[in-house]
Amino acid sequence: MPDPRELVTDMYLQFAEELADAAGEAIRPWFRSDLDVERKGDGSPVTQADRAAETAIRERICSRYPSHGIVGEEFGSDQDDAEWVWVIDPIDGTGAFISGLPTFGTLIGLVRDGAPVLGVLDQPILAERWTGVSFPDLPLRATHNSQVVHTSTTGDLGESIGFASDPTMFEAEEQGAWNRLASSLYRARYGIDCYAYGLLASGFVDIVCEASLKAWDYMALVPIVRGAGGQMTDWAGDQLTQGSGDQVLASASHTLHRAALTRLCG
């Protein structure tokens, strides 16, 4: 039996980057083009680019690793109880994409027995790519364009920059929790979707706090944030898994994460 540690750091990481390459090829021709934008049942937008990118990813996974599961935003789940499951969001930030903003990203995560172990965040227009590995008995690791990156070392909320994708993503009680956290920060800002997590891994952002998310919105990001030295959990401080809820908190350091959780909990 192959050592799963070697599979993650060698074969699967290389394959995940191949998937990101294929998704980028499908997405780039549609950027700032005459798109057909549809609304899904939940009101969120979807385009030809979303579907083309996810199709390209799925076809390659099914061809290379037919025993692996897939969970994707646009085409649902297949073998999602398998040992290895790819969790993909072809365009995280479709709203940014259709607005011509290069702050969306392709998210490709790999989970083993429900736990995220590998992630890729690819921005195909700016040619930026973050990768991360977070696997038992392996050194944590994150890169940006193949260069190792680390989160900031700040532990002070009052010196921190925090992001949320959209102020409307928080329900009533959640809004109060976010307001408590945001009021403690040096600066709270909105927008840029998954790109904020890449900037956190690279040390430019200190906090990302969000709600109303699905597994494909964050599974790929957990290994990147953790691999860079940060923390990423739900709002109760529990580790994120394939079955976690819709609230996530990412922080640059253990100290900062504890302080942020305390503010969220009131």
Protein backbone atom coordinates (compact mmCIF):
# COMPACT_ATOMS: atom_id res chain seq x y z
CA MET A 1 0.00 0.00 0.00
CA PRO A 2 1.38 3.44 -0.88
CA ASP A 3 2.24 5.69 2.05
CA PRO A 4 -0.61 8.27 2.18
CA ARG A 5 1.89 10.95 3.23
CA GLU A 6 3.83 10.46 0.02
CA LEU A 7 0.61 10.41 -2.00
CA VAL A 8 -0.40 13.82 -0.61
CA THR A 9 2.95 15.57 -0.95
CA ASP A 10 3.90 14.11 -4.30
CA MET A 11 1.23 12.58 -6.54
CA TYR A 12 -1.89 14.32 -5.30
CA LEU A 13 -0.36 17.78 -4.95
CA GLN A 14 1.02 17.62 -8.48
CA PHE A 15 -2.34 16.37 -9.74
CA ALA A 16 -4.21 19.16 -7.94
CA GLU A 17 -2.03 21.69 -9.73
CA GLU A 18 -2.80 19.99 -13.03
CA LEU A 19 -6.49 20.37 -12.21
CA ALA A 20 -5.95 24.07 -11.51
CA ASP A 21 -4.18 24.45 -14.85
CA ALA A 22 -7.11 22.82 -16.65
CA ALA A 23 -9.64 25.00 -14.84
CA GLY A 24 -7.67 28.13 -15.70
CA GLU A 25 -7.69 27.21 -19.37
CA ALA A 26 -11.46 26.87 -19.23
CA ILE A 27 -11.98 30.14 -17.35
CA ARG A 28 -9.67 32.66 -18.99
CA PRO A 29 -11.46 32.93 -22.37
CA TRP A 30 -14.66 33.93 -20.55
CA PHE A 31 -13.18 36.64 -18.34
CA ARG A 32 -14.56 40.10 -19.21
CA SER A 33 -16.53 38.58 -22.08
CA ASP A 34 -20.16 38.47 -23.11
CA LEU A 35 -21.31 35.94 -20.52
CA ASP A 36 -24.67 34.29 -20.02
CA VAL A 37 -25.34 34.75 -16.31
CA GLU A 38 -28.00 32.52 -14.77
CA ARG A 39 -29.39 32.49 -11.24
CA LYS A 40 -29.43 29.22 -9.33
CA GLY A 41 -32.15 28.25 -6.87
CA ASP A 42 -30.39 30.06 -4.02
CA GLY A 43 -30.09 33.24 -6.09
CA SER A 44 -26.34 32.93 -6.65
CA PRO A 45 -25.00 33.44 -10.19
CA VAL A 46 -23.51 30.78 -12.44
CA THR A 47 -21.90 31.10 -15.88
CA GLN A 48 -20.51 28.99 -18.69
CA ALA A 49 -17.08 29.44 -17.14
CA ASP A 50 -18.13 27.89 -13.81
CA ARG A 51 -19.54 24.84 -15.53
CA ALA A 52 -16.68 24.47 -18.02
CA ALA A 53 -14.08 24.64 -15.27
CA GLU A 54 -15.81 22.11 -13.03
CA THR A 55 -16.35 19.78 -15.98
CA ALA A 56 -12.64 19.93 -16.83
CA ILE A 57 -11.72 19.13 -13.23
CA ARG A 58 -14.23 16.29 -12.86
CA GLU A 59 -13.24 14.61 -16.10
CA ARG A 60 -9.62 14.45 -15.03
CA ILE A 61 -10.38 13.13 -11.56
CA CYS A 62 -12.68 10.42 -12.91
CA SER A 63 -10.06 9.39 -15.46
CA ARG A 64 -7.07 9.35 -13.09
CA TYR A 65 -8.64 8.32 -9.79
CA PRO A 66 -12.03 6.66 -10.42
CA SER A 67 -12.27 5.43 -6.81
CA HIS A 68 -12.05 8.97 -5.43
CA GLY A 69 -15.14 10.96 -4.53
CA ILE A 70 -16.03 14.43 -5.82
CA VAL A 71 -18.06 17.21 -4.24
CA GLY A 72 -18.51 20.22 -6.51
CA GLU A 73 -20.61 23.36 -6.40
CA GLU A 74 -22.10 23.05 -9.87
CA PHE A 75 -22.62 19.31 -10.37
CA GLY A 76 -23.10 17.89 -6.90
CA SER A 77 -21.60 14.85 -5.20
CA ASP A 78 -20.29 11.51 -6.40
CA GLN A 79 -18.89 8.89 -3.99
CA ASP A 80 -18.67 11.52 -1.27
CA ASP A 81 -18.15 8.80 1.35
CA ALA A 82 -14.91 7.58 -0.25
CA GLU A 83 -11.61 7.66 1.64
CA TRP A 84 -10.29 10.41 -0.65
CA VAL A 85 -12.72 13.11 -1.82
CA TRP A 86 -11.98 16.14 -3.99
CA VAL A 87 -14.00 19.19 -2.94
CA ILE A 88 -14.06 21.83 -5.66
CA ASP A 89 -15.42 25.28 -6.33
CA PRO A 90 -14.58 26.11 -9.97
CA ILE A 91 -15.05 29.86 -9.44
CA ASP A 92 -15.28 31.04 -5.86
CA GLY A 93 -16.48 34.61 -6.27
CA THR A 94 -18.59 34.33 -9.40
CA GLY A 95 -19.97 37.78 -8.58
CA ALA A 96 -16.46 39.20 -8.84
CA PHE A 97 -15.84 37.22 -12.02
CA ILE A 98 -18.88 38.58 -13.84
CA SER A 99 -17.97 42.10 -12.65
CA GLY A 100 -14.53 41.81 -14.26
CA LEU A 101 -12.69 41.72 -10.92
CA PRO A 102 -9.68 39.38 -10.74
CA THR A 103 -10.28 38.47 -7.10
CA PHE A 104 -12.15 35.22 -7.67
CA GLY A 105 -10.37 31.88 -7.47
CA THR A 106 -10.57 28.21 -8.29
CA LEU A 107 -10.59 26.11 -5.10
CA ILE A 108 -9.44 22.50 -5.22
CA GLY A 109 -9.36 20.64 -1.92
CA LEU A 110 -8.63 17.04 -1.06
CA VAL A 111 -10.02 15.47 2.09
CA ARG A 112 -9.17 12.10 3.58
CA ASP A 113 -11.85 10.52 5.73
CA GLY A 114 -13.52 13.93 5.95
CA ALA A 115 -10.46 15.92 7.03
CA PRO A 116 -8.88 18.48 4.63
CA VAL A 117 -5.27 17.55 3.85
CA LEU A 118 -4.40 19.42 0.65
CA GLY A 119 -5.59 22.62 -0.98
CA VAL A 120 -5.02 24.78 -4.04
CA LEU A 121 -6.27 28.35 -4.52
CA ASP A 122 -5.66 29.46 -8.10
CA GLN A 123 -6.23 32.94 -9.52
CA PRO A 124 -5.90 32.31 -13.28
CA ILE A 125 -5.99 35.95 -14.42
CA LEU A 126 -3.27 37.25 -12.10
CA ALA A 127 -1.33 33.96 -12.40
CA GLU A 128 -1.24 33.52 -8.64
CA ARG A 129 -1.48 30.17 -6.93
CA TRP A 130 -1.40 29.16 -3.28
CA THR A 131 -0.99 25.55 -2.21
CA GLY A 132 -1.07 24.01 1.23
CA VAL A 133 -0.56 20.64 2.91
CA SER A 134 -1.85 19.80 6.37
CA PHE A 135 -1.46 16.09 7.01
CA PRO A 136 -0.69 14.12 10.21
CA ASP A 137 3.03 13.47 10.77
CA LEU A 138 4.05 15.86 8.00
CA PRO A 139 5.51 19.37 8.37
CA LEU A 140 2.93 22.05 7.61
CA ARG A 141 3.64 23.78 4.32
CA ALA A 142 2.14 26.52 2.16
CA THR A 143 3.42 28.21 -0.98
CA HIS A 144 2.55 31.13 -3.22
CA ASN A 145 3.76 30.59 -6.77
CA SER A 146 6.09 27.86 -5.43
CA GLN A 147 7.64 30.12 -2.78
CA VAL A 148 7.08 29.21 0.87
CA VAL A 149 4.81 31.69 2.66
CA HIS A 150 3.98 32.37 6.31
CA THR A 151 1.18 34.21 8.06
CA SER A 152 1.89 37.32 10.11
CA THR A 153 2.83 36.84 13.76
CA THR A 154 0.47 39.42 15.22
CA GLY A 155 -1.55 38.44 18.27
CA ASP A 156 -3.26 41.80 18.76
CA LEU A 157 -6.75 42.30 17.34
CA GLY A 158 -6.27 46.06 17.49
CA GLU A 159 -3.39 45.82 15.02
CA SER A 160 -5.13 43.38 12.67
CA ILE A 161 -6.75 43.73 9.26
CA GLY A 162 -9.85 41.58 8.87
CA PHE A 163 -12.01 40.63 5.89
CA ALA A 164 -15.45 39.20 5.21
CA SER A 165 -16.71 38.65 1.68
CA ASP A 166 -20.06 40.38 2.15
CA PRO A 167 -21.77 42.06 5.12
CA THR A 168 -25.05 40.40 4.12
CA MET A 169 -23.63 36.90 4.64
CA PHE A 170 -24.30 37.16 8.39
CA GLU A 171 -27.70 36.33 9.89
CA ALA A 172 -29.09 38.39 12.80
CA GLU A 173 -27.10 36.89 15.70
CA GLU A 174 -24.09 36.36 13.46
CA GLN A 175 -24.16 40.03 12.52
CA GLY A 176 -23.80 40.98 16.16
CA ALA A 177 -20.87 38.59 16.58
CA TRP A 178 -19.15 39.94 13.47
CA ASN A 179 -19.74 43.52 14.63
CA ARG A 180 -18.04 42.74 17.96
CA LEU A 181 -15.04 41.29 16.18
CA ALA A 182 -14.88 43.97 13.48
CA SER A 183 -15.02 46.78 16.05
CA SER A 184 -11.92 45.30 17.72
CA LEU A 185 -9.82 45.32 14.56
CA TYR A 186 -7.55 48.02 13.22
CA ARG A 187 -9.47 47.77 9.97
CA ALA A 188 -12.35 45.61 8.74
CA ARG A 189 -12.96 45.33 5.02
CA TYR A 190 -15.29 43.47 2.66
CA GLY A 191 -14.94 41.66 -0.64
CA ILE A 192 -12.29 39.63 -2.52
CA ASP A 193 -13.80 36.25 -1.58
CA CYS A 194 -11.23 33.43 -1.36
CA TYR A 195 -8.41 35.78 -2.35
CA ALA A 196 -8.45 37.13 1.23
CA TYR A 197 -7.34 33.73 2.52
CA GLY A 198 -4.40 33.71 0.12
CA LEU A 199 -3.37 37.13 1.37
CA LEU A 200 -3.72 35.87 4.94
CA ALA A 201 -1.39 32.95 4.16
CA SER A 202 1.10 35.43 2.68
CA GLY A 203 1.04 37.67 5.77
CA PHE A 204 -0.92 40.67 4.43
CA VAL A 205 -4.30 39.95 6.07
CA ASP A 206 -4.71 38.80 9.67
CA ILE A 207 -8.35 37.68 10.04
CA VAL A 208 -11.02 36.31 7.71
CA CYS A 209 -14.43 35.69 9.27
CA GLU A 210 -17.36 34.40 7.24
CA ALA A 211 -20.73 32.64 7.37
CA SER A 212 -23.27 31.22 4.92
CA LEU A 213 -20.57 29.04 3.36
CA LYS A 214 -20.57 25.53 1.89
CA ALA A 215 -17.82 22.93 2.19
CA TRP A 216 -16.50 23.78 -1.27
CA ASP A 217 -16.02 27.39 -0.14
CA TYR A 218 -13.43 26.48 2.48
CA MET A 219 -12.11 22.88 2.34
CA ALA A 220 -9.26 23.87 0.00
CA LEU A 221 -8.38 26.88 2.15
CA VAL A 222 -7.85 25.06 5.45
CA PRO A 223 -4.55 23.37 4.44
CA ILE A 224 -3.29 26.64 2.95
CA VAL A 225 -3.99 28.71 6.06
CA ARG A 226 -2.73 26.02 8.43
CA GLY A 227 0.25 25.25 6.23
CA ALA A 228 1.30 28.90 6.41
CA GLY A 229 1.16 28.87 10.21
CA GLY A 230 -2.36 30.16 10.78
CA GLN A 231 -5.49 28.72 12.32
CA MET A 232 -8.83 28.00 10.65
CA THR A 233 -11.84 26.59 12.51
CA ASP A 234 -15.55 27.10 12.87
CA TRP A 235 -16.82 29.81 15.24
CA ALA A 236 -16.84 27.33 18.15
CA GLY A 237 -13.13 26.66 17.63
CA ASP A 238 -13.71 23.15 16.26
CA GLN A 239 -11.65 21.80 13.38
CA LEU A 240 -13.31 22.08 9.98
CA THR A 241 -14.27 18.87 8.20
CA GLN A 242 -16.28 17.91 5.17
CA GLY A 243 -19.38 17.86 7.39
CA SER A 244 -18.85 21.19 9.16
CA GLY A 245 -21.36 24.02 9.14
CA ASP A 246 -21.35 27.36 7.40
CA GLN A 247 -19.28 29.54 9.79
CA VAL A 248 -15.49 29.83 9.48
CA LEU A 249 -12.78 31.88 11.11
CA ALA A 250 -9.21 32.08 9.83
CA SER A 251 -6.48 33.84 11.79
CA ALA A 252 -2.78 34.46 11.35
CA SER A 253 -1.71 33.00 14.71
CA HIS A 254 -2.91 30.88 17.62
CA THR A 255 -3.02 33.90 19.93
CA LEU A 256 -5.01 35.98 17.46
CA HIS A 257 -7.41 33.12 16.82
CA ARG A 258 -8.20 32.72 20.51
CA ALA A 259 -8.82 36.45 20.85
CA ALA A 260 -11.07 36.49 17.78
CA LEU A 261 -13.09 33.51 19.01
CA THR A 262 -13.60 35.24 22.34
CA ARG A 263 -15.02 38.31 20.59
CA LEU A 264 -17.29 36.21 18.38
CA CYS A 265 -18.68 34.37 21.39
CA GLY A 266 -19.40 37.64 23.18
